[in-house]
Amino acid sequence: MSQAELAARAGVSRKWIYEFEAGKPNAEVGLLLRVLDALGLTLEVTPDGQAEAASRGEAVDLDALIDEHRRR
């Protein structure tokens, strides 16, 4: 798939795709998720130390994680 085709599918500019591929240090998360979707990919985010539990399909308590992060 060309950069132009990917950009069209994701609704971003070809320049954005080029800059991202070149290692642009910051990228809007929403645009990144659109590109992943256009590629048929998903992004999985797992808290440190909980990757094994997540791989078993166990639920993660997001509220508890947010509270823990705020206390740091």
C-alpha atoms as a PDB file:
ATOM      1  CA  MET A   1       0.000   0.000   0.000  1.00  0.00           C
ATOM      2  CA  SER A   2       1.402   3.387  -0.890  1.00  0.00           C
ATOM      3  CA  GLN A   3       1.557   6.330   1.473  1.00  0.00           C
ATOM      4  CA  ALA A   4      -1.084   8.075  -0.624  1.00  0.00           C
ATOM      5  CA  GLU A   5      -3.440   5.081  -0.445  1.00  0.00           C
ATOM      6  CA  LEU A   6      -2.975   4.733   3.315  1.00  0.00           C
ATOM      7  CA  ALA A   7      -3.492   8.456   3.825  1.00  0.00           C
ATOM      8  CA  ALA A   8      -6.729   8.354   1.825  1.00  0.00           C
ATOM      9  CA  ARG A   9      -8.044   5.348   3.771  1.00  0.00           C
ATOM     10  CA  ALA A  10      -7.150   6.911   7.131  1.00  0.00           C
ATOM     11  CA  GLY A  11      -8.298  10.425   6.285  1.00  0.00           C
ATOM     12  CA  VAL A  12      -4.890  12.017   6.891  1.00  0.00           C
ATOM     13  CA  SER A  13      -2.442  13.686   4.551  1.00  0.00           C
ATOM     14  CA  ARG A  14       0.327  11.831   2.767  1.00  0.00           C
ATOM     15  CA  LYS A  15       2.723  14.289   4.420  1.00  0.00           C
ATOM     16  CA  TRP A  16       1.455  13.165   7.859  1.00  0.00           C
ATOM     17  CA  ILE A  17       2.142   9.509   6.930  1.00  0.00           C
ATOM     18  CA  TYR A  18       5.612  10.416   5.634  1.00  0.00           C
ATOM     19  CA  GLU A  19       6.490  12.384   8.777  1.00  0.00           C
ATOM     20  CA  PHE A  20       5.214   9.616  11.049  1.00  0.00           C
ATOM     21  CA  GLU A  21       7.246   6.986   9.181  1.00  0.00           C
ATOM     22  CA  ALA A  22      10.282   9.270   9.426  1.00  0.00           C
ATOM     23  CA  GLY A  23      10.014   9.298  13.226  1.00  0.00           C
ATOM     24  CA  LYS A  24       8.080  12.478  13.899  1.00  0.00           C
ATOM     25  CA  PRO A  25       8.423  12.892  17.687  1.00  0.00           C
ATOM     26  CA  ASN A  26       4.764  13.661  18.321  1.00  0.00           C
ATOM     27  CA  ALA A  27       1.590  12.488  16.675  1.00  0.00           C
ATOM     28  CA  GLU A  28      -2.053  13.043  17.521  1.00  0.00           C
ATOM     29  CA  VAL A  29      -3.377   9.817  19.029  1.00  0.00           C
ATOM     30  CA  GLY A  30      -6.672  10.018  17.155  1.00  0.00           C
ATOM     31  CA  LEU A  31      -4.870  10.178  13.820  1.00  0.00           C
ATOM     32  CA  LEU A  32      -2.591   7.309  14.781  1.00  0.00           C
ATOM     33  CA  LEU A  33      -5.633   5.178  15.679  1.00  0.00           C
ATOM     34  CA  ARG A  34      -7.219   5.988  12.305  1.00  0.00           C
ATOM     35  CA  VAL A  35      -4.061   4.857  10.511  1.00  0.00           C
ATOM     36  CA  LEU A  36      -3.940   1.629  12.530  1.00  0.00           C
ATOM     37  CA  ASP A  37      -7.594   1.001  11.665  1.00  0.00           C
ATOM     38  CA  ALA A  38      -6.905   1.605   7.979  1.00  0.00           C
ATOM     39  CA  LEU A  39      -4.133  -1.004   8.193  1.00  0.00           C
ATOM     40  CA  GLY A  40      -6.427  -3.479   9.957  1.00  0.00           C
ATOM     41  CA  LEU A  41      -4.402  -3.241  13.179  1.00  0.00           C
ATOM     42  CA  THR A  42      -5.374  -2.610  16.788  1.00  0.00           C
ATOM     43  CA  LEU A  43      -3.452  -1.072  19.656  1.00  0.00           C
ATOM     44  CA  GLU A  44      -3.444  -2.885  22.977  1.00  0.00           C
ATOM     45  CA  VAL A  45      -2.413  -0.979  26.078  1.00  0.00           C
ATOM     46  CA  THR A  46      -1.544  -3.027  29.139  1.00  0.00           C
ATOM     47  CA  PRO A  47      -0.446  -1.646  32.515  1.00  0.00           C
ATOM     48  CA  ASP A  48       3.031  -2.642  33.709  1.00  0.00           C
ATOM     49  CA  GLY A  49       2.974  -6.025  35.374  1.00  0.00           C
ATOM     50  CA  GLN A  50      -0.463  -6.921  34.025  1.00  0.00           C
ATOM     51  CA  ALA A  51       0.374  -8.186  30.539  1.00  0.00           C
ATOM     52  CA  GLU A  52       0.065 -11.805  31.635  1.00  0.00           C
ATOM     53  CA  ALA A  53      -3.338 -11.210  33.263  1.00  0.00           C
ATOM     54  CA  ALA A  54      -4.558  -9.371  30.169  1.00  0.00           C
ATOM     55  CA  SER A  55      -3.410 -12.225  27.924  1.00  0.00           C
ATOM     56  CA  ARG A  56      -5.616 -14.556  29.999  1.00  0.00           C
ATOM     57  CA  GLY A  57      -8.569 -12.222  29.395  1.00  0.00           C
ATOM     58  CA  GLU A  58      -8.747 -10.963  32.970  1.00  0.00           C
ATOM     59  CA  ALA A  59     -10.324  -7.544  33.446  1.00  0.00           C
ATOM     60  CA  VAL A  60      -8.233  -4.552  34.448  1.00  0.00           C
ATOM     61  CA  ASP A  61      -9.703  -2.088  36.956  1.00  0.00           C
ATOM     62  CA  LEU A  62      -9.110   1.171  35.082  1.00  0.00           C
ATOM     63  CA  ASP A  63     -10.450   3.330  37.926  1.00  0.00           C
ATOM     64  CA  ALA A  64      -7.973   1.772  40.365  1.00  0.00           C
ATOM     65  CA  LEU A  65      -5.105   2.337  37.934  1.00  0.00           C
ATOM     66  CA  ILE A  66      -6.052   6.002  37.479  1.00  0.00           C
ATOM     67  CA  ASP A  67      -6.317   6.484  41.255  1.00  0.00           C
ATOM     68  CA  GLU A  68      -2.914   4.856  41.750  1.00  0.00           C
ATOM     69  CA  HIS A  69      -1.359   7.093  39.107  1.00  0.00           C
ATOM     70  CA  ARG A  70      -2.821  10.229  40.700  1.00  0.00           C
ATOM     71  CA  ARG A  71      -1.261   9.311  44.057  1.00  0.00           C
ATOM     72  CA  ARG A  72       2.237   9.180  42.557  1.00  0.00           C
END
